[in-house]
Protein backbone atom coordinates (compact mmCIF):
# COMPACT_ATOMS: atom_id res chain seq x y z
CA MET A 1 11.44 19.65 -19.18
CA THR A 2 10.36 16.43 -18.10
CA LYS A 3 10.10 14.05 -20.92
CA ILE A 4 7.15 11.44 -21.61
CA LEU A 5 6.37 8.69 -23.86
CA LEU A 6 2.74 7.97 -24.49
CA VAL A 7 1.66 4.65 -25.49
CA GLU A 8 -1.87 4.67 -26.35
CA ASP A 9 -3.46 3.10 -29.35
CA ASP A 10 -6.92 4.56 -28.96
CA GLU A 11 -6.43 8.08 -30.84
CA SER A 12 -8.98 9.92 -29.04
CA VAL A 13 -7.31 8.70 -25.31
CA ASN A 14 -3.79 9.60 -26.88
CA ARG A 15 -4.88 12.94 -27.92
CA ALA A 16 -6.44 13.71 -24.39
CA VAL A 17 -3.71 12.62 -22.15
CA ALA A 18 -1.12 14.40 -24.32
CA PHE A 19 -2.86 17.85 -24.73
CA SER A 20 -3.35 17.74 -20.69
CA LEU A 21 0.45 16.75 -20.14
CA GLN A 22 1.32 18.90 -22.68
CA LYS A 23 -0.84 21.91 -20.44
CA GLU A 24 1.05 20.94 -17.66
CA GLY A 25 3.83 21.92 -18.99
CA TYR A 26 5.96 18.53 -19.98
CA GLU A 27 7.91 17.08 -23.62
CA VAL A 28 5.16 14.35 -24.74
CA SER A 29 6.18 12.28 -27.21
CA ARG A 30 3.01 9.75 -28.80
CA ALA A 31 2.99 6.12 -29.93
CA ALA A 32 0.29 3.77 -31.30
CA THR A 33 1.53 0.48 -31.89
CA LEU A 34 4.44 -1.70 -29.82
CA CYS A 35 6.28 -1.20 -33.01
CA GLU A 36 6.81 1.87 -32.83
CA ALA A 37 6.50 2.53 -29.53
CA LYS A 38 10.16 0.74 -29.18
CA GLY A 39 11.29 2.86 -31.33
CA ARG A 40 10.78 6.10 -29.79
CA LEU A 41 12.73 4.73 -27.11
CA ARG A 42 15.59 3.57 -28.19
CA GLN A 43 15.52 7.41 -29.91
CA SER A 44 15.47 8.90 -26.79
CA TYR A 45 14.99 7.47 -23.50
CA PRO A 46 12.08 9.13 -21.46
CA ASP A 47 12.09 10.34 -17.75
CA ILE A 48 8.53 9.02 -17.60
CA LEU A 49 6.68 6.16 -19.72
CA LEU A 50 2.65 5.68 -20.10
CA CYS A 51 1.63 2.30 -21.87
CA ASP A 52 -1.19 0.59 -22.33
CA ILE A 53 -1.11 -2.78 -22.28
CA ASN A 54 -3.45 -4.02 -25.02
CA LEU A 55 -1.33 -2.62 -28.21
CA PRO A 56 -2.59 -3.37 -31.67
CA ASP A 57 0.75 -5.57 -32.33
CA GLY A 58 1.63 -6.78 -29.07
CA SER A 59 1.66 -6.51 -25.19
CA GLY A 60 3.03 -3.41 -23.58
CA LEU A 61 4.54 -5.37 -20.82
CA ALA A 62 7.90 -6.08 -23.56
CA LEU A 63 8.18 -2.37 -23.85
CA VAL A 64 7.66 -1.93 -19.73
CA LYS A 65 10.30 -4.46 -20.03
CA GLU A 66 12.41 -3.01 -22.08
CA ALA A 67 12.69 0.58 -20.67
CA ARG A 68 13.23 -0.88 -17.16
CA GLU A 69 16.17 -2.91 -18.51
CA SER A 70 17.69 -0.03 -20.44
CA GLY A 71 17.11 2.72 -17.94
CA SER A 72 15.08 4.06 -14.72
CA ALA A 73 12.26 5.62 -16.16
CA TYR A 74 9.17 5.97 -13.56
CA ILE A 75 6.76 3.50 -15.87
CA ILE A 76 2.73 4.07 -15.12
CA CYS A 77 0.83 0.85 -17.12
CA LEU A 78 -2.60 2.42 -18.49
CA THR A 79 -5.17 -0.54 -18.82
CA ALA A 80 -8.47 -1.30 -18.73
CA LEU A 81 -7.29 -5.00 -17.21
CA ASP A 82 -8.19 -4.50 -13.46
CA GLN A 83 -7.58 -8.22 -12.51
CA GLU A 84 -5.20 -9.09 -9.83
CA THR A 85 -3.39 -11.46 -11.85
CA ASP A 86 -2.85 -8.73 -14.63
CA GLN A 87 -1.19 -5.98 -12.27
CA VAL A 88 0.70 -8.40 -10.96
CA MET A 89 2.40 -8.73 -14.21
CA GLY A 90 2.57 -5.35 -15.26
CA TYR A 91 4.58 -4.65 -11.77
CA GLY A 92 6.67 -8.24 -12.70
CA ALA A 93 7.13 -6.80 -15.78
CA GLY A 94 8.79 -3.08 -14.44
CA ALA A 95 6.05 -1.03 -13.42
CA ASP A 96 5.75 1.36 -10.74
CA ASP A 97 2.64 1.81 -11.05
CA TYR A 98 -1.21 0.96 -12.37
CA ILE A 99 -4.01 3.07 -13.69
CA THR A 100 -6.98 1.03 -14.97
CA LYS A 101 -9.21 2.74 -17.27
CA PRO A 102 -10.99 4.95 -17.49
CA PHE A 103 -9.66 6.88 -14.82
CA SER A 104 -9.16 10.65 -14.38
CA LEU A 105 -6.52 13.02 -16.41
CA SER A 106 -6.01 14.90 -12.64
CA VAL A 107 -5.65 12.02 -10.53
CA LEU A 108 -2.98 11.13 -13.63
CA THR A 109 -1.06 14.51 -13.40
CA LEU A 110 -0.76 14.12 -9.75
CA LYS A 111 0.36 10.75 -9.79
CA LEU A 112 3.75 12.73 -11.99
CA ARG A 113 3.61 16.11 -9.76
CA ALA A 114 3.97 13.83 -6.60
CA TYR A 115 6.76 11.60 -8.55
CA LEU A 116 9.19 14.55 -9.70
CA GLU A 117 8.20 16.32 -6.10
CA ARG A 118 9.72 13.13 -4.53
CA CYS A 119 12.75 13.20 -7.16
CA GLY A 120 13.09 16.85 -7.76
CA GLY A 121 16.45 16.88 -6.11
CA ASN A 122 19.39 14.46 -5.50
CA SER A 123 18.35 14.69 -1.41
CA LYS A 124 15.04 14.56 -1.59
CA ASN A 125 14.18 10.37 -0.39
CA CYS A 126 12.73 12.13 2.92
CA PHE A 127 11.02 15.29 4.31
CA ARG A 128 9.78 16.83 7.56
CA SER A 129 6.72 17.93 8.50
CA GLY A 130 6.12 19.03 12.38
CA ASP A 131 7.10 16.58 14.56
CA LEU A 132 7.10 13.38 12.19
CA THR A 133 9.69 12.39 9.75
CA VAL A 134 9.00 10.22 6.44
CA GLN A 135 11.76 8.38 4.84
CA LEU A 136 10.12 7.40 1.63
CA ASP A 137 13.15 4.96 0.44
CA ALA A 138 12.59 2.76 3.16
CA MET A 139 9.17 3.37 3.97
CA LYS A 140 9.42 4.96 7.14
CA LEU A 141 7.82 6.85 9.13
CA PHE A 142 9.19 8.46 12.48
CA ARG A 143 7.61 10.47 15.47
CA ASP A 144 10.80 12.24 16.91
CA LYS A 145 12.87 8.75 17.21
CA GLU A 146 9.65 6.44 17.59
CA GLU A 147 8.67 4.79 14.61
CA ILE A 148 5.14 4.48 13.72
CA PRO A 149 4.05 1.70 11.67
CA LEU A 150 1.59 2.48 8.84
CA SER A 151 -0.67 -0.14 6.22
CA ARG A 152 -0.03 -0.17 2.74
CA ASN A 153 -3.42 2.47 2.16
CA GLU A 154 -1.98 4.95 5.24
CA TRP A 155 1.82 4.93 4.03
CA LYS A 156 -0.12 5.90 0.07
CA LEU A 157 -2.33 8.57 1.23
CA LEU A 158 0.31 10.03 3.47
CA CYS A 159 3.05 10.42 0.58
CA LEU A 160 -0.37 11.07 -1.33
CA LEU A 161 -1.29 14.66 0.66
CA ALA A 162 1.76 15.25 2.18
CA GLU A 163 3.03 15.04 -1.60
CA ASN A 164 0.48 17.45 -2.25
CA ALA A 165 1.03 20.02 0.93
CA GLY A 166 -0.68 23.13 0.87
CA LYS A 167 -3.25 21.62 -1.75
CA ILE A 168 -6.81 20.84 -1.19
CA LEU A 169 -7.99 17.19 -2.71
CA SER A 170 -11.10 16.26 -3.08
CA LYS A 171 -12.55 13.07 -2.30
CA GLY A 172 -13.02 11.70 -5.83
CA GLN A 173 -9.06 12.66 -6.57
CA ILE A 174 -7.70 10.81 -3.04
CA LEU A 175 -10.14 7.45 -3.67
CA GLU A 176 -8.50 7.22 -7.18
CA CYS A 177 -4.82 7.84 -6.00
CA LEU A 178 -5.36 5.45 -3.49
CA PHE A 179 -6.99 2.30 -5.32
CA ASP A 180 -7.91 3.18 -8.97
CA VAL A 181 -10.27 1.19 -9.64
CA GLU A 182 -13.95 1.76 -8.60
CA GLY A 183 -14.57 -1.75 -6.42
CA SER A 184 -17.06 -3.56 -4.19
CA PHE A 185 -14.87 -2.91 -1.77
CA VAL A 186 -15.15 1.19 -2.58
CA ASN A 187 -17.82 3.41 -0.92
CA ASP A 188 -18.62 6.51 0.19
CA ASN A 189 -16.68 6.65 3.35
CA THR A 190 -14.12 4.66 2.47
CA VAL A 191 -11.94 8.28 2.38
CA ALA A 192 -13.02 9.01 5.49
CA VAL A 193 -11.93 5.20 6.75
CA ASN A 194 -8.32 5.63 5.51
CA ILE A 195 -7.95 9.30 6.89
CA ASN A 196 -9.08 8.46 9.97
CA ARG A 197 -7.03 5.56 10.40
CA LEU A 198 -4.11 7.89 9.43
CA ARG A 199 -4.89 11.31 11.62
CA GLU A 200 -5.29 8.35 14.74
CA LYS A 201 -1.31 7.55 14.44
CA ILE A 202 -0.17 10.50 13.48
CA GLU A 203 -2.08 13.45 15.46
CA PRO A 204 -1.51 14.48 18.54
CA ASP A 205 -5.28 15.63 19.09
CA ARG A 206 -7.60 13.53 16.37
CA THR A 207 -10.13 15.70 17.05
CA ASP A 208 -8.11 18.51 16.06
CA PRO A 209 -5.84 17.91 13.33
CA MET A 210 -3.10 19.74 12.52
CA TYR A 211 -1.69 18.11 9.73
CA ILE A 212 -4.90 16.67 7.58
CA LYS A 213 -7.66 19.33 7.83
CA ASN A 214 -11.00 18.76 6.18
CA VAL A 215 -11.80 21.72 4.54
CA ARG A 216 -15.56 21.64 4.08
CA GLY A 217 -17.06 20.42 1.02
CA LEU A 218 -14.40 20.40 -1.23
CA GLY A 219 -11.82 17.65 0.16
CA TYR A 220 -8.34 17.34 2.89
CA VAL A 221 -5.70 19.10 2.81
CA TRP A 222 -1.67 18.66 4.28
CA SER A 223 -1.89 21.64 6.18
CA LYS A 224 1.84 21.76 8.01
CA GLU A 225 4.92 22.63 5.90
CA CYS A 226 7.11 19.63 4.36
CA ARG A 227 10.85 20.78 4.40
CA TRP A 228 12.54 17.97 1.73
CA GLY A 229 16.23 16.30 1.88
CA LEU A 230 16.48 17.04 5.51
C-alpha cells in the first residue's frame, strides 16, 4: 500500500484530504506541525509527501529539503502561496509538484494516480499509443522515429491525458492540473486552446481526432490504449 505523509496545520483541511486519500486506498499518516512531521518522516519514510509550506513552528520547505535528501519520495507542496518566487523556492528545496489552495481533491487524486501509473513498474518510463512513443524521463515524443517538439503545457497535457487513458477528464480538472492556480491568463477557452495546439502536433487529422476526443458536455478523453514499458 502506498504510504503518504500529509503535513497540514489546518485541521479541517487535514481531515478532509486524509479521508479522501484513505478512500482511494492510500495509507495516510498525518501531522500538523514541522516538528511532528519531522518525527514521522524519521520513523517511517513515505512514498509520497504532501506538505504545507506555512506551518506554525517553521517553514515546510525545511521538511521538503530533508525528505529529498533522505530518499526518493514524490513531494507535492500544498500552500496558499502562489507567487512565482514561492514556487521556485519549493522546487529548489526538492519538490516535484506544487498545488495552491484552495485546491480540488479530485485534481490531487489525479496527480497521485498519474504519478503511480508512471512508476508502477520498473520499466514504466515510456509508453506507446498508436504510432506515438513517449519517453517520460527524457520528456520526448516521437511518431515512429521523428521527434515531435512540445511546449511545457503541451507536454503536461499529453501526460495527464495519456496517463488517464480511457477516463474522461473535465475542463476544470485539466485546467487545475495544468496551471494549479487561477490567473488573468486563464479563461474558459484555455483548455480548448491547449487541446487544439496539442492536436495539431499529434493528430493525423485534427478535424477527426483519434487520440484526444471531446465528450460533449463532460470533457476530454485519451481514446487510444497506452502500452507501458515498451
